[in-house]
Each structure stands twice: as C-alpha cells, then as structure tokens.
C-alpha cells in the first residue's frame, strides 16, 4: 500500500510536473542504478505519467514490468538478487520527493509553511521520523535540499529513505 498524500490534487500535480520538467531540462533527473537499460529508457515517461495522473502505487506497477529492473543489485560491491520490494521502494521514494517538491512550491506561492506527517503507518517508527512528525518547516529549505540531492538522502535528512514521512500544507 502506498503513501497517503494529503495535498495531492491538480494544483500540487502542476507543481510536481514543473519540477519534473526542470529536472529534465537541467539533466538532473534521478535514474536509479536498479533500473535496467530498458527501465532507464522508460523512466522519464512512466514517472511523468505517474506525477500527472497516478500515485506511487501506479508507478511501482510500471517499474515492476519485467525487464525494467536489473536482475541483481549490489551490496558491498558484490552482486545480490534484486530485492523483491525494489520497485515499491523506488516508486514511493521518487513519487514522494516530487510530491514534496510540489507542495513546497505551492506553499511558497501561497505564503505558507509545511508540516511533516507520517504518510505510511509504522508500528515501530524510527526516532528520526518521530523527531519531525508534526514539525513545521520552511518550504524553501526543503525544496532546495531535495533539488540539490537527487537520489540521495537530503542534507537535512527529511525525508529519509523509506521513512514513510511526507509533508502537507500548514
């Protein structure tokens, strides 16, 4: 089951797509090493479609199409079988990053702050997630951090990989 996106509507999607287009123009779109050559070729189109009209779940279904992920991943330089949840992790992480960027742009335009929230239930949330849950943030800082660190953990650590955390308008 995907994340809950409290502000996912047509307005937020417009901002998400603007961020996607900016990444394409600046050659800054993240391509996971887990994607196969076919997956890399298809990635911009399937990501754009999900941002325009889908969810992290629809994106995960597209990534899971045979041939879009490499059969192996690497851990400590050694090949291992690709994690059976790799498509879900990639889809959730990237969709959420564009969602957060879209909400931040929207908040800036509306003169608002953003608030972190748990977008996926966890019976044992990480301490780092608990520390930010319900906390208000300046959208400018989050937006710039996510733009500057595609595919890596942002410097301020939010949202961390597979954290289940997202943001909404304050």
Protein backbone atom coordinates (compact mmCIF):
# COMPACT_ATOMS: atom_id res chain seq x y z
CA UNK A 1 0.00 0.00 0.00
CA UNK A 2 1.36 3.42 -0.97
CA UNK A 3 1.76 6.59 0.99
CA UNK A 4 -1.10 8.93 1.91
CA UNK A 5 -0.62 12.27 0.13
CA UNK A 6 -2.76 14.85 1.93
CA UNK A 7 -2.37 17.62 -0.67
CA UNK A 8 -2.30 15.57 -3.87
CA UNK A 9 -4.65 17.47 -6.17
CA UNK A 10 -4.50 19.14 -9.56
CA UNK A 11 -2.69 22.21 -8.20
CA UNK A 12 0.02 20.19 -6.49
CA UNK A 13 0.39 17.96 -9.56
CA UNK A 14 1.04 21.06 -11.72
CA UNK A 15 3.91 21.99 -9.41
CA UNK A 16 5.18 18.39 -9.40
CA UNK A 17 5.25 18.37 -13.19
CA UNK A 18 7.03 21.74 -13.26
CA UNK A 19 9.75 20.25 -11.05
CA UNK A 20 9.95 17.17 -13.29
CA UNK A 21 10.32 19.34 -16.41
CA UNK A 22 13.01 21.45 -14.70
CA UNK A 23 14.96 18.29 -13.83
CA UNK A 24 14.72 17.11 -17.44
CA UNK A 25 15.89 20.46 -18.80
CA UNK A 26 18.81 20.61 -16.34
CA UNK A 27 19.75 16.96 -16.88
CA UNK A 28 19.14 16.43 -13.17
CA UNK A 29 16.55 13.62 -13.28
CA UNK A 30 17.50 10.75 -10.98
CA UNK A 31 17.98 7.33 -12.60
CA UNK A 32 18.30 4.54 -10.05
CA UNK A 33 21.11 2.02 -10.54
CA UNK A 34 18.42 -0.60 -10.01
CA UNK A 35 16.85 0.27 -13.37
CA UNK A 36 17.87 -1.84 -16.35
CA UNK A 37 18.75 -0.21 -19.68
CA UNK A 38 15.08 -0.64 -20.70
CA UNK A 39 13.98 0.80 -17.37
CA UNK A 40 16.26 3.80 -17.83
CA UNK A 41 14.84 4.41 -21.29
CA UNK A 42 11.24 4.18 -20.00
CA UNK A 43 11.80 6.05 -16.71
CA UNK A 44 11.05 9.64 -17.80
CA UNK A 45 7.77 8.67 -19.45
CA UNK A 46 6.48 6.41 -16.67
CA UNK A 47 7.50 8.90 -13.97
CA UNK A 48 5.84 11.81 -15.77
CA UNK A 49 2.63 9.81 -16.24
CA UNK A 50 2.53 8.89 -12.54
CA UNK A 51 3.13 12.50 -11.50
CA UNK A 52 0.40 13.75 -13.85
CA UNK A 53 -2.33 11.25 -13.05
CA UNK A 54 -1.11 8.39 -10.87
CA UNK A 55 0.35 7.53 -7.49
CA UNK A 56 3.40 5.81 -6.11
CA UNK A 57 1.43 2.55 -6.49
CA UNK A 58 0.81 3.06 -10.22
CA UNK A 59 4.47 3.98 -10.66
CA UNK A 60 5.54 0.82 -8.80
CA UNK A 61 3.36 -1.29 -11.10
CA UNK A 62 5.10 0.22 -14.13
CA UNK A 63 8.58 -0.32 -12.66
CA UNK A 64 7.66 -3.95 -11.90
CA UNK A 65 7.04 -4.74 -15.58
CA UNK A 66 9.59 -7.45 -16.43
CA UNK A 67 12.80 -6.08 -17.83
CA UNK A 68 12.64 -2.64 -16.20
CA UNK A 69 14.75 -3.59 -13.19
CA UNK A 70 18.14 -5.23 -13.22
CA UNK A 71 18.09 -8.84 -12.00
CA UNK A 72 20.80 -8.05 -9.46
CA UNK A 73 21.66 -5.28 -7.06
CA UNK A 74 24.99 -4.78 -5.32
CA UNK A 75 25.85 -4.81 -1.64
CA UNK A 76 29.40 -4.00 -0.61
CA UNK A 77 30.44 -4.39 -4.25
CA UNK A 78 29.01 -7.90 -4.56
CA UNK A 79 26.04 -8.86 -6.73
CA UNK A 80 22.93 -9.96 -4.86
CA UNK A 81 19.46 -10.86 -6.09
CA UNK A 82 17.31 -7.76 -6.59
CA UNK A 83 15.09 -7.15 -3.57
CA UNK A 84 11.51 -8.15 -4.33
CA UNK A 85 10.35 -4.77 -2.95
CA UNK A 86 12.80 -2.69 -5.05
CA UNK A 87 10.06 -1.43 -7.39
CA UNK A 88 7.96 -0.27 -4.44
CA UNK A 89 10.85 1.45 -2.67
CA UNK A 90 11.94 3.28 -5.81
CA UNK A 91 8.41 4.34 -6.75
CA UNK A 92 7.48 5.53 -3.28
CA UNK A 93 10.72 7.41 -2.79
CA UNK A 94 10.71 9.24 -6.10
CA UNK A 95 6.98 9.98 -6.22
CA UNK A 96 7.14 11.33 -2.66
CA UNK A 97 10.16 13.52 -3.47
CA UNK A 98 8.31 15.14 -6.38
CA UNK A 99 5.16 15.42 -4.26
CA UNK A 100 7.12 17.19 -1.50
CA UNK A 101 8.77 19.48 -4.04
CA UNK A 102 5.34 20.29 -5.49
CA UNK A 103 3.84 21.01 -2.07
CA UNK A 104 6.83 23.22 -1.23
CA UNK A 105 6.41 25.25 -4.44
CA UNK A 106 2.71 25.58 -3.70
CA UNK A 107 3.38 26.66 -0.11
CA UNK A 108 5.90 29.27 -1.28
CA UNK A 109 3.37 30.64 -3.78
CA UNK A 110 0.67 30.77 -1.11
CA UNK A 111 2.96 32.18 1.60
CA UNK A 112 2.57 29.12 3.84
CA UNK A 113 4.74 26.75 5.83
CA UNK A 114 4.70 22.95 5.51
CA UNK A 115 4.25 20.29 8.19
CA UNK A 116 5.83 16.83 8.31
CA UNK A 117 3.50 13.89 8.85
CA UNK A 118 3.54 10.10 8.83
CA UNK A 119 2.20 9.13 5.41
CA UNK A 120 2.59 5.38 5.97
CA UNK A 121 1.64 3.52 9.13
CA UNK A 122 4.51 2.08 11.10
CA UNK A 123 4.15 0.10 14.30
CA UNK A 124 7.77 0.98 15.13
CA UNK A 125 8.59 4.39 13.61
CA UNK A 126 12.22 5.46 13.53
CA UNK A 127 13.34 8.01 16.08
CA UNK A 128 14.30 10.32 13.21
CA UNK A 129 10.72 10.14 11.91
CA UNK A 130 9.25 10.78 15.35
CA UNK A 131 11.50 13.82 15.70
CA UNK A 132 9.98 15.54 12.64
CA UNK A 133 6.36 14.29 12.81
CA UNK A 134 4.13 17.35 13.21
CA UNK A 135 7.03 19.80 12.91
CA UNK A 136 6.67 22.89 10.71
CA UNK A 137 9.31 23.59 8.09
CA UNK A 138 10.19 26.45 5.80
CA UNK A 139 9.35 25.15 2.31
CA UNK A 140 12.29 26.99 0.69
CA UNK A 141 14.87 24.94 2.60
CA UNK A 142 13.25 21.59 1.90
CA UNK A 143 12.77 22.40 -1.78
CA UNK A 144 16.36 23.48 -2.32
CA UNK A 145 17.70 20.48 -0.42
CA UNK A 146 15.67 17.99 -2.50
CA UNK A 147 16.63 19.73 -5.74
CA UNK A 148 20.30 19.61 -4.82
CA UNK A 149 20.38 15.95 -3.76
CA UNK A 150 18.51 13.79 -6.31
CA UNK A 151 18.62 10.11 -5.44
CA UNK A 152 20.44 10.68 -2.16
CA UNK A 153 19.41 11.49 1.37
CA UNK A 154 18.86 15.22 1.70
CA UNK A 155 21.29 17.06 3.96
CA UNK A 156 18.61 17.91 6.49
CA UNK A 157 17.61 14.22 6.48
CA UNK A 158 13.97 14.70 5.57
CA UNK A 159 12.50 12.62 4.13
CA UNK A 160 14.91 9.80 4.84
CA UNK A 161 14.96 6.73 2.60
CA UNK A 162 11.91 4.52 3.11
CA UNK A 163 10.86 6.61 6.14
CA UNK A 164 7.15 6.80 5.31
CA UNK A 165 7.25 10.54 6.05
CA UNK A 166 5.91 13.32 3.85
CA UNK A 167 4.69 16.91 4.16
CA UNK A 168 1.44 18.84 3.83
CA UNK A 169 0.49 22.48 3.76
CA UNK A 170 0.36 24.10 7.21
